[in-house]
């Protein structure tokens, strides 16, 4: 594959959580943003529609699983997740243990 790997994921926003979720993301902690960059993630966006959060990012590293594991070990990121995770819930079709469920890319214009 040439260029970055495109990754898309979805999770459900709990009823009544939109205002708090937006408030948190209006001021994402710089430590969290730095960890995202250290994990070779760029163009990270989160979209909202009808209670679904859709995330998209581009990955330029060599081992996404290892970089995501490193992110999950980062103390400030874990602290951030203690604020954001209670506002979310996996979609009904997520596999056991998945939070953000991956989406399959079915079309892309080169």
Protein backbone atom coordinates (compact mmCIF):
# COMPACT_ATOMS: atom_id res chain seq x y z
CA UNK A 1 0.00 0.00 0.00
CA UNK A 2 1.28 3.45 -0.81
CA UNK A 3 0.49 6.47 1.28
CA UNK A 4 -1.19 6.46 4.67
CA UNK A 5 -3.55 3.74 5.80
CA UNK A 6 -7.08 5.16 6.13
CA UNK A 7 -8.97 4.05 9.23
CA UNK A 8 -12.65 4.62 10.01
CA UNK A 9 -14.48 3.66 13.18
CA UNK A 10 -17.90 4.15 14.76
CA UNK A 11 -19.23 4.27 18.32
CA UNK A 12 -22.58 5.38 19.74
CA UNK A 13 -22.91 8.56 21.79
CA UNK A 14 -25.14 8.01 24.82
CA UNK A 15 -28.42 9.92 25.02
CA UNK A 16 -27.90 13.29 26.65
CA UNK A 17 -24.11 13.23 26.23
CA UNK A 18 -23.73 15.43 23.16
CA UNK A 19 -23.22 18.75 24.95
CA UNK A 20 -20.48 17.36 27.22
CA UNK A 21 -18.80 15.50 24.36
CA UNK A 22 -18.68 18.67 22.28
CA UNK A 23 -17.41 20.69 25.25
CA UNK A 24 -14.55 18.28 25.85
CA UNK A 25 -13.55 18.24 22.20
CA UNK A 26 -13.59 22.03 21.98
CA UNK A 27 -10.47 21.92 24.16
CA UNK A 28 -8.66 18.59 23.69
CA UNK A 29 -5.61 18.42 25.94
CA UNK A 30 -2.31 19.06 24.16
CA UNK A 31 -0.81 15.95 25.82
CA UNK A 32 -3.49 13.83 24.15
CA UNK A 33 -2.88 15.48 20.76
CA UNK A 34 0.87 14.87 21.12
CA UNK A 35 0.27 11.18 21.84
CA UNK A 36 -1.91 10.91 18.75
CA UNK A 37 0.96 12.32 16.67
CA UNK A 38 3.50 10.02 18.37
CA UNK A 39 1.26 7.12 17.36
CA UNK A 40 1.68 8.12 13.69
CA UNK A 41 -1.93 9.30 13.38
CA UNK A 42 -2.86 12.38 11.37
CA UNK A 43 -5.98 13.93 9.89
CA UNK A 44 -7.95 12.61 12.85
CA UNK A 45 -11.55 13.74 12.66
CA UNK A 46 -14.71 12.81 14.55
CA UNK A 47 -18.13 13.40 13.01
CA UNK A 48 -21.55 13.17 14.68
CA UNK A 49 -24.91 12.22 13.21
CA UNK A 50 -28.02 10.81 14.88
CA UNK A 51 -26.12 9.70 17.96
CA UNK A 52 -23.32 7.99 16.04
CA UNK A 53 -19.73 9.17 16.27
CA UNK A 54 -17.74 8.44 13.13
CA UNK A 55 -13.95 8.74 13.42
CA UNK A 56 -11.51 8.90 10.54
CA UNK A 57 -7.73 9.08 10.65
CA UNK A 58 -4.70 8.35 8.53
CA UNK A 59 -1.97 6.10 9.89
CA UNK A 60 1.61 6.43 8.64
CA UNK A 61 3.45 4.04 10.96
CA UNK A 62 4.41 0.39 10.49
CA UNK A 63 2.42 -1.29 13.28
CA UNK A 64 -1.01 0.17 14.03
CA UNK A 65 -1.76 -2.31 16.81
CA UNK A 66 1.49 -1.46 18.62
CA UNK A 67 0.96 2.28 18.23
CA UNK A 68 -2.61 2.03 19.52
CA UNK A 69 -1.35 -0.08 22.45
CA UNK A 70 1.23 2.62 23.23
CA UNK A 71 -1.54 5.21 23.14
CA UNK A 72 -3.61 3.10 25.54
CA UNK A 73 -0.64 3.02 27.95
CA UNK A 74 -0.21 6.81 27.93
CA UNK A 75 -1.30 8.19 31.31
CA UNK A 76 -2.82 11.45 30.00
CA UNK A 77 -4.69 9.64 27.23
CA UNK A 78 -6.12 7.18 29.75
CA UNK A 79 -7.15 10.15 31.91
CA UNK A 80 -8.85 11.73 28.87
CA UNK A 81 -10.69 8.49 28.18
CA UNK A 82 -12.08 8.50 31.75
CA UNK A 83 -13.95 11.64 30.66
CA UNK A 84 -14.99 10.59 27.15
CA UNK A 85 -15.70 6.86 27.52
CA UNK A 86 -18.67 7.26 29.89
CA UNK A 87 -20.33 9.34 27.16
CA UNK A 88 -20.08 6.53 24.60
CA UNK A 89 -21.21 2.96 24.10
CA UNK A 90 -20.28 0.41 21.44
CA UNK A 91 -22.63 -0.04 18.51
CA UNK A 92 -24.81 -3.14 18.69
CA UNK A 93 -22.77 -4.95 16.02
CA UNK A 94 -19.37 -4.36 17.66
CA UNK A 95 -17.44 -7.50 18.46
CA UNK A 96 -16.89 -8.52 22.06
CA UNK A 97 -14.37 -6.12 23.63
CA UNK A 98 -14.51 -3.54 20.80
CA UNK A 99 -15.25 0.03 21.72
CA UNK A 100 -14.82 1.93 18.46
CA UNK A 101 -15.92 -0.60 15.84
CA UNK A 102 -13.88 -0.58 12.62
CA UNK A 103 -15.58 0.18 9.32
CA UNK A 104 -14.76 -1.51 6.04
CA UNK A 105 -13.69 0.78 3.23
CA UNK A 106 -15.78 -0.01 0.17
CA UNK A 107 -14.83 2.92 -2.05
CA UNK A 108 -12.04 5.49 -2.33
CA UNK A 109 -11.09 7.85 -5.13
CA UNK A 110 -7.34 7.73 -5.70
